[in-house]
Amino acid sequence: MENERYQKGWEVFKVLTGTDGVAELERIHALCPDLANLIISNGFADIYSRPGLDLKERELVTLSSLITQGATEQLPMHVNAALNIGLTPKEIMEVVLQCTVYVGFPKALSAFAVVMDIFEKRAIHSSGTGI
C-alpha cells in the first residue's frame, strides 16, 4: 500500500485536510483499508495531483459538486480543506450562493448550515456585510 502513487496522494491529502483529515482517514483505514487506499490513491494521487487546476480550483469544483449532490456529510472536510489551502470564507460563500441558482435553495441552505458550523468552529466571523 505504501507505494509511490499512494505517497503522492497522501502528501496532497495532508496538505488539504491537516490533522483532522488524517484522523478521519485512520478511522476509515481501521475498518476498511482498501477504501482508505482508494481515497488516497485514486482521489488524491490520480485526481487532485493532476496538472491543469490548482488545489484551490479543485476545491471550488468539489464544493459545488458536493452541494449539487446534497452530499452535506462530505462538506465539512472540504470546507476545512478549502480554508486550509487559502480559499477565503467569502469565496466559499460565493460557491454556496452560486449554487442556489442551479440546485435550489434547499440544497444550498443545507450547505450553508454546514459552512456556518465550520466557520463558527474556526472562529470566522462576518462583519454583517458578508464574510
Protein backbone atom coordinates (compact mmCIF):
# COMPACT_ATOMS: atom_id res chain seq x y z
CA MET A 1 0.00 0.00 0.00
CA GLU A 2 2.88 2.38 0.66
CA ASN A 3 3.81 2.77 -2.99
CA GLU A 4 4.81 5.91 -4.85
CA ARG A 5 1.27 6.65 -6.03
CA TYR A 6 -0.11 6.34 -2.50
CA GLN A 7 2.65 8.58 -1.12
CA LYS A 8 1.89 11.24 -3.72
CA GLY A 9 -1.79 11.21 -2.76
CA TRP A 10 -1.01 11.09 0.95
CA GLU A 11 1.05 14.28 0.72
CA VAL A 12 -1.77 16.14 -1.05
CA PHE A 13 -4.34 14.78 1.41
CA LYS A 14 -2.31 16.00 4.40
CA VAL A 15 -1.94 19.49 2.90
CA LEU A 16 -5.67 19.72 2.29
CA THR A 17 -7.07 18.16 5.44
CA GLY A 18 -4.45 18.55 8.17
CA THR A 19 -4.60 16.51 11.35
CA ASP A 20 -8.40 16.24 11.35
CA GLY A 21 -8.42 14.62 7.93
CA VAL A 22 -5.58 12.29 8.87
CA ALA A 23 -7.51 11.18 11.97
CA GLU A 24 -10.64 10.55 9.91
CA LEU A 25 -8.71 8.57 7.32
CA GLU A 26 -7.18 6.47 10.11
CA ARG A 27 -10.73 5.65 11.28
CA ILE A 28 -11.64 4.59 7.75
CA HIS A 29 -8.43 2.58 7.43
CA ALA A 30 -9.17 0.71 10.67
CA LEU A 31 -12.49 -0.50 9.27
CA CYS A 32 -11.67 -0.84 5.60
CA PRO A 33 -8.04 -0.42 4.49
CA ASP A 34 -9.00 -0.86 0.84
CA LEU A 35 -11.37 2.12 0.98
CA ALA A 36 -8.70 4.29 2.61
CA ASN A 37 -6.27 3.25 -0.11
CA LEU A 38 -8.78 4.13 -2.86
CA ILE A 39 -9.45 7.53 -1.32
CA ILE A 40 -5.75 8.39 -1.26
CA SER A 41 -4.54 6.65 -4.42
CA ASN A 42 -7.44 7.50 -6.67
CA GLY A 43 -8.88 10.69 -5.26
CA PHE A 44 -5.74 12.47 -4.19
CA ALA A 45 -2.94 10.93 -6.26
CA ASP A 46 -4.77 10.42 -9.54
CA ILE A 47 -7.14 13.39 -9.44
CA TYR A 48 -6.05 16.12 -7.02
CA SER A 49 -2.41 15.80 -8.15
CA ARG A 50 -3.17 16.31 -11.84
CA PRO A 51 -1.91 19.39 -13.65
CA GLY A 52 -4.45 21.82 -15.07
CA LEU A 53 -6.17 23.03 -11.91
CA ASP A 54 -4.54 24.14 -8.69
CA LEU A 55 -5.77 22.90 -5.31
CA LYS A 56 -7.94 25.99 -4.77
CA GLU A 57 -9.68 25.48 -8.10
CA ARG A 58 -10.15 21.79 -7.36
CA GLU A 59 -11.75 22.59 -4.02
CA LEU A 60 -14.11 25.10 -5.66
CA VAL A 61 -15.23 22.36 -8.04
CA THR A 62 -15.51 19.86 -5.20
CA LEU A 63 -17.58 22.20 -3.02
CA SER A 64 -20.00 22.97 -5.84
CA SER A 65 -20.28 19.29 -6.73
CA LEU A 66 -21.00 18.26 -3.14
CA ILE A 67 -23.60 21.00 -2.78
CA THR A 68 -25.21 19.97 -6.07
CA GLN A 69 -25.45 16.36 -4.88
CA GLY A 70 -26.73 17.36 -1.46
CA ALA A 71 -23.74 15.48 -0.02
CA THR A 72 -23.52 17.60 3.10
CA GLU A 73 -21.85 14.82 5.09
CA GLN A 74 -18.71 15.34 2.99
CA LEU A 75 -18.82 19.14 3.12
CA PRO A 76 -17.09 19.70 6.48
CA MET A 77 -13.88 18.05 5.32
CA HIS A 78 -13.86 20.02 2.09
CA VAL A 79 -14.80 23.38 3.62
CA ASN A 80 -11.90 22.90 6.02
CA ALA A 81 -9.65 21.81 3.15
CA ALA A 82 -10.65 24.89 1.14
CA LEU A 83 -9.77 27.15 4.07
CA ASN A 84 -6.53 25.23 4.70
CA ILE A 85 -5.29 25.90 1.17
CA GLY A 86 -6.20 29.57 1.12
CA LEU A 87 -9.73 29.95 -0.14
CA THR A 88 -11.36 32.80 1.71
CA PRO A 89 -14.63 32.49 3.60
CA LYS A 90 -16.10 34.95 1.08
CA GLU A 91 -15.11 32.68 -1.84
CA ILE A 92 -16.69 29.70 -0.11
CA MET A 93 -19.91 31.65 0.48
CA GLU A 94 -19.93 32.68 -3.17
CA VAL A 95 -19.94 28.99 -4.13
CA VAL A 96 -22.98 28.44 -1.90
CA LEU A 97 -24.71 31.49 -3.39
CA GLN A 98 -23.91 30.41 -6.94
CA CYS A 99 -25.41 27.00 -6.25
CA THR A 100 -28.78 28.49 -5.24
CA VAL A 101 -29.41 29.30 -8.89
CA TYR A 102 -28.61 25.82 -10.21
CA VAL A 103 -29.59 23.40 -7.45
CA GLY A 104 -32.15 25.39 -5.50
CA PHE A 105 -32.39 26.86 -2.07
CA PRO A 106 -32.92 23.64 -0.08
CA LYS A 107 -29.55 22.14 -1.05
CA ALA A 108 -27.76 25.48 -0.86
CA LEU A 109 -29.23 26.24 2.57
CA SER A 110 -28.24 22.80 3.84
CA ALA A 111 -24.72 23.51 2.63
CA PHE A 112 -24.87 26.98 4.20
CA ALA A 113 -25.62 25.42 7.59
CA VAL A 114 -22.57 23.18 7.28
CA VAL A 115 -20.37 26.06 6.16
CA MET A 116 -21.52 28.28 9.02
CA ASP A 117 -20.83 25.46 11.50
CA ILE A 118 -17.25 25.18 10.21
CA PHE A 119 -16.82 28.96 10.29
CA GLU A 120 -18.04 29.05 13.92
CA LYS A 121 -15.68 26.23 14.90
CA ARG A 122 -12.79 28.10 13.28
CA ALA A 123 -13.86 31.44 14.78
CA ILE A 124 -14.52 33.03 11.40
CA HIS A 125 -16.99 35.88 11.84
CA SER A 126 -18.84 38.16 9.48
CA SER A 127 -18.95 41.89 9.93
CA GLY A 128 -22.58 41.85 8.78
CA THR A 129 -21.62 42.91 5.27
CA GLY A 130 -20.81 39.42 4.05
CA ILE A 131 -17.78 37.46 5.02
